[in-house]
N, C-alpha and C. Protein backbone atom coordinates (compact mmCIF):
# COMPACT_ATOMS: atom_id res chain seq x y z
N MET A 1 41.04 15.82 -6.81
CA MET A 1 39.87 15.73 -7.32
C MET A 1 38.94 16.83 -8.34
N PRO A 2 38.81 16.32 -9.33
CA PRO A 2 37.72 17.43 -10.26
C PRO A 2 37.06 18.18 -9.37
N ASP A 3 36.63 19.43 -10.05
CA ASP A 3 35.84 20.48 -9.47
C ASP A 3 34.31 19.86 -10.35
N MET A 4 33.48 19.33 -9.27
CA MET A 4 32.37 19.34 -10.21
C MET A 4 31.19 20.05 -10.41
N SER A 5 31.22 21.69 -9.84
CA SER A 5 30.40 22.37 -10.04
C SER A 5 30.46 23.00 -11.54
N ALA A 6 32.00 22.84 -11.81
CA ALA A 6 31.71 23.39 -13.59
C ALA A 6 30.87 22.23 -14.23
N SER A 7 31.12 21.18 -14.11
CA SER A 7 30.40 20.27 -15.10
C SER A 7 28.78 19.90 -14.92
N ALA A 8 28.51 20.87 -13.58
CA ALA A 8 26.60 20.49 -13.24
C ALA A 8 26.82 21.90 -13.79
N SER A 9 27.07 22.89 -13.95
CA SER A 9 27.03 24.27 -14.34
C SER A 9 26.25 23.72 -15.73
N LEU A 10 27.60 23.40 -16.56
CA LEU A 10 27.35 23.49 -18.03
C LEU A 10 26.18 22.43 -18.36
N ALA A 11 26.01 21.36 -17.85
CA ALA A 11 24.75 20.44 -17.88
C ALA A 11 23.43 21.07 -17.61
N MET A 12 23.54 22.28 -16.36
CA MET A 12 22.61 22.94 -16.17
C MET A 12 21.95 23.73 -17.40
N THR A 13 22.70 24.53 -18.11
CA THR A 13 23.15 25.66 -19.00
C THR A 13 22.30 24.65 -20.09
N HIS A 14 22.40 23.40 -20.67
CA HIS A 14 22.15 22.35 -21.92
C HIS A 14 20.35 22.20 -21.36
N LEU A 15 20.13 21.44 -20.14
CA LEU A 15 19.15 21.26 -19.88
C LEU A 15 18.30 22.83 -19.71
N ALA A 16 18.64 23.66 -19.81
CA ALA A 16 17.45 24.87 -19.67
C ALA A 16 17.56 25.47 -20.62
N THR A 17 18.71 25.14 -22.03
CA THR A 17 18.12 25.70 -23.43
C THR A 17 17.07 24.53 -24.38
N LEU A 18 17.24 23.05 -23.42
CA LEU A 18 16.20 22.33 -23.84
C LEU A 18 14.73 22.26 -23.37
N ALA A 19 14.67 23.31 -22.42
CA ALA A 19 13.70 23.32 -21.28
C ALA A 19 12.71 24.34 -22.32
N GLN A 20 13.55 25.36 -22.85
CA GLN A 20 13.19 26.47 -23.62
C GLN A 20 12.13 26.11 -24.57
N GLU A 21 12.61 25.02 -25.18
CA GLU A 21 12.60 24.66 -26.50
C GLU A 21 11.02 23.71 -26.45
N VAL A 22 10.76 23.27 -25.31
CA VAL A 22 9.33 22.70 -25.17
C VAL A 22 8.21 23.70 -24.88
N ASP A 23 7.06 23.17 -26.06
CA ASP A 23 6.22 24.18 -25.49
C ASP A 23 5.12 23.68 -24.52
N GLU A 24 4.83 24.60 -23.76
CA GLU A 24 4.46 24.09 -22.61
C GLU A 24 2.53 23.78 -22.43
N ASP A 25 2.37 23.97 -23.72
CA ASP A 25 0.73 23.69 -23.39
C ASP A 25 0.78 22.54 -24.31
N LYS A 26 1.53 21.48 -24.84
CA LYS A 26 1.59 20.14 -25.66
C LYS A 26 2.52 18.80 -24.60
N VAL A 27 2.88 19.52 -23.13
CA VAL A 27 3.41 18.29 -22.56
C VAL A 27 2.52 17.66 -21.97
N THR A 28 3.07 15.96 -22.16
CA THR A 28 2.19 15.02 -21.59
C THR A 28 2.99 14.09 -20.81
N PRO A 29 2.17 13.36 -20.23
CA PRO A 29 3.42 12.15 -19.72
C PRO A 29 4.28 11.30 -20.57
N GLY A 30 3.59 11.17 -21.39
CA GLY A 30 4.48 10.30 -22.57
C GLY A 30 4.14 8.48 -22.39
N VAL A 31 5.16 7.88 -23.04
CA VAL A 31 4.83 6.46 -22.90
C VAL A 31 5.28 5.84 -21.26
N LEU A 32 6.37 6.69 -20.74
CA LEU A 32 6.96 6.21 -19.32
C LEU A 32 5.47 6.49 -18.73
N GLY A 33 4.83 7.72 -18.82
CA GLY A 33 3.76 7.79 -17.63
C GLY A 33 3.16 6.69 -17.87
N PHE A 34 2.58 6.39 -19.04
CA PHE A 34 1.64 5.15 -19.25
C PHE A 34 2.09 3.67 -18.48
N ILE A 35 3.38 3.25 -18.91
CA ILE A 35 3.66 2.06 -18.20
C ILE A 35 3.77 2.08 -16.69
N VAL A 36 4.19 3.11 -16.06
CA VAL A 36 3.85 3.68 -14.77
C VAL A 36 2.78 3.09 -14.45
N PHE A 37 1.77 3.88 -14.95
CA PHE A 37 0.43 3.98 -14.07
C PHE A 37 -0.38 2.36 -14.95
N ALA A 38 0.63 1.79 -15.75
CA ALA A 38 -0.08 0.50 -15.78
C ALA A 38 0.34 -0.58 -15.20
N ALA A 39 1.51 -0.26 -14.72
CA ALA A 39 1.84 -1.45 -13.77
C ALA A 39 1.43 -1.16 -12.13
N MET A 40 1.00 -0.23 -12.08
CA MET A 40 0.47 0.04 -10.97
C MET A 40 -1.04 -0.36 -10.56
N ALA A 41 -1.80 -0.14 -12.07
CA ALA A 41 -3.17 -1.06 -11.74
C ALA A 41 -2.94 -2.39 -11.71
N LEU A 42 -1.68 -2.59 -12.65
CA LEU A 42 -2.05 -4.46 -12.45
C LEU A 42 -1.64 -4.91 -11.03
N ALA A 43 -0.76 -4.24 -10.50
CA ALA A 43 -0.43 -4.32 -9.02
C ALA A 43 -1.86 -4.10 -8.10
N VAL A 44 -2.53 -3.32 -8.03
CA VAL A 44 -3.51 -3.09 -7.26
C VAL A 44 -4.71 -4.05 -7.57
N TRP A 45 -4.36 -4.60 -9.38
CA TRP A 45 -5.37 -5.71 -9.22
C TRP A 45 -4.99 -7.28 -8.68
N ALA A 46 -3.78 -7.48 -8.91
CA ALA A 46 -3.11 -8.62 -8.44
C ALA A 46 -3.21 -8.90 -6.87
N LEU A 47 -2.93 -7.61 -6.25
CA LEU A 47 -3.25 -7.43 -5.02
C LEU A 47 -4.67 -7.87 -4.60
N MET A 48 -5.91 -7.29 -4.90
CA MET A 48 -7.28 -7.16 -4.67
C MET A 48 -7.50 -8.64 -5.12
N LYS A 49 -6.94 -9.43 -5.92
CA LYS A 49 -7.39 -10.49 -6.39
C LYS A 49 -6.47 -11.55 -5.19
N SER A 50 -5.69 -10.99 -4.51
CA SER A 50 -5.32 -12.17 -3.83
C SER A 50 -6.07 -12.23 -2.36
N MET A 51 -6.08 -10.53 -2.10
CA MET A 51 -7.02 -10.50 -1.23
C MET A 51 -8.35 -10.99 -0.91
N SER A 52 -9.01 -10.90 -2.21
CA SER A 52 -10.33 -11.75 -2.28
C SER A 52 -10.29 -13.01 -2.01
N LYS A 53 -8.95 -13.95 -2.46
CA LYS A 53 -8.72 -15.04 -2.27
C LYS A 53 -9.16 -15.61 -0.99
N HIS A 54 -7.93 -14.77 0.02
CA HIS A 54 -7.52 -15.05 1.31
C HIS A 54 -8.90 -14.42 2.00
N MET A 55 -9.73 -13.76 1.88
CA MET A 55 -10.94 -13.59 2.81
C MET A 55 -11.76 -14.42 2.53
N GLY A 56 -11.82 -15.47 1.49
CA GLY A 56 -12.31 -16.51 0.91
C GLY A 56 -12.35 -17.35 2.01
N LYS A 57 -11.19 -17.66 2.47
CA LYS A 57 -10.92 -18.81 3.05
C LYS A 57 -11.22 -18.20 4.84
N VAL A 58 -11.22 -17.30 5.07
CA VAL A 58 -11.81 -16.75 6.53
C VAL A 58 -13.25 -17.23 7.00
N ASP A 59 -13.13 -17.92 7.98
CA ASP A 59 -14.66 -18.10 8.59
C ASP A 59 -14.98 -17.25 9.67
N PHE A 60 -15.66 -16.55 9.42
CA PHE A 60 -16.32 -15.44 10.61
C PHE A 60 -17.13 -15.99 11.88
N LYS A 61 -17.51 -17.31 11.59
CA LYS A 61 -18.50 -17.65 12.66
C LYS A 61 -17.48 -18.23 13.62
N GLU A 62 -17.87 -17.72 14.93
CA GLU A 62 -17.01 -18.15 16.17
C GLU A 62 -17.56 -19.66 17.05
N SER A 63 -16.66 -20.29 16.57
CA SER A 63 -17.34 -21.29 17.19
C SER A 63 -16.49 -21.54 18.79
N PRO A 64 -17.39 -22.10 19.45
CA PRO A 64 -17.46 -22.34 21.11
C PRO A 64 -15.97 -22.83 21.14
N ASP A 65 -15.32 -22.70 22.27
CA ASP A 65 -13.96 -23.03 22.95
C ASP A 65 -14.29 -24.43 23.60
N GLU A 66 -13.89 -25.50 22.73
CA GLU A 66 -14.00 -26.92 23.06
C GLU A 66 -12.82 -27.51 24.18
N GLY A 67 -11.87 -26.80 24.07
CA GLY A 67 -10.61 -27.23 24.85
C GLY A 67 -10.61 -26.39 26.33
N GLY A 68 -11.37 -25.82 26.70
CA GLY A 68 -11.59 -25.02 27.70
C GLY A 68 -12.16 -25.59 29.03
N SER A 69 -12.01 -25.26 29.84
CA SER A 69 -12.50 -25.96 31.04
C SER A 69 -13.64 -25.97 31.38
N GLY A 70 -14.30 -24.84 31.03
CA GLY A 70 -16.06 -24.77 30.90
C GLY A 70 -16.52 -23.69 32.29
N LYS A 71 -15.25 -23.37 33.18
CA LYS A 71 -15.80 -22.47 34.01
C LYS A 71 -15.77 -21.01 33.74
N GLU A 72 -16.86 -20.58 33.93
CA GLU A 72 -17.46 -19.27 33.84
C GLU A 72 -17.06 -18.47 35.26
N THR A 73 -17.31 -17.40 35.43
CA THR A 73 -17.32 -16.48 36.46
C THR A 73 -18.08 -15.60 36.30
N THR A 74 -18.92 -14.67 37.28
CA THR A 74 -19.28 -13.72 37.64
C THR A 74 -18.71 -12.23 38.00
N ASP A 75 -17.63 -11.97 37.46
CA ASP A 75 -17.32 -10.67 37.50
C ASP A 75 -17.68 -9.30 37.29
N SER A 76 -18.58 -9.53 36.52
CA SER A 76 -19.45 -7.83 36.53
C SER A 76 -20.75 -7.68 37.19
N PRO A 77 -20.42 -6.60 37.62
CA PRO A 77 -21.69 -6.16 38.27
C PRO A 77 -23.16 -6.35 38.28
N SER A 78 -23.23 -6.93 36.62
CA SER A 78 -25.00 -6.98 35.98
C SER A 78 -25.23 -8.24 36.34
N GLY A 79 -24.25 -9.41 36.75
CA GLY A 79 -24.46 -10.83 37.03
C GLY A 79 -24.38 -11.90 35.68
N LYS A 80 -23.90 -11.03 34.86
CA LYS A 80 -24.06 -11.92 33.55
C LYS A 80 -22.25 -12.71 33.55
N THR A 81 -22.62 -13.85 33.10
CA THR A 81 -21.22 -14.74 33.11
C THR A 81 -20.26 -14.26 32.07
N SER A 82 -18.87 -14.32 32.20
CA SER A 82 -18.05 -14.26 30.92
C SER A 82 -17.08 -15.59 31.40
N PRO A 83 -16.29 -15.95 30.24
CA PRO A 83 -15.32 -17.09 30.25
C PRO A 83 -14.32 -16.82 31.49
N ALA A 84 -13.59 -17.65 31.92
CA ALA A 84 -12.70 -17.62 32.90
C ALA A 84 -11.40 -17.27 32.43
N LYS A 85 -10.71 -16.04 33.18
CA LYS A 85 -9.63 -15.91 32.24
C LYS A 85 -8.47 -16.75 32.72
N GLY A 86 -7.55 -16.47 31.77
CA GLY A 86 -6.36 -17.86 32.33
C GLY A 86 -5.30 -17.38 32.30
């Protein structure tokens, strides 16, 4: 099996020389950064649109339980009635 440390050392030497050529004041995210940001923004927009559609289907008004037995108990010390636990 060949020794990988020699090839890794050679690659790091080449990358180090490339890094020295880059002007630190002019480094920008570039096209790849824009594409990643645009994809994330599009995903958030799609998720919010989907959530809005699903939240529109939700009925927040609580309807009385029609299938219940109608029994109510007075378990609380204040005397208020609560639905039967079943």
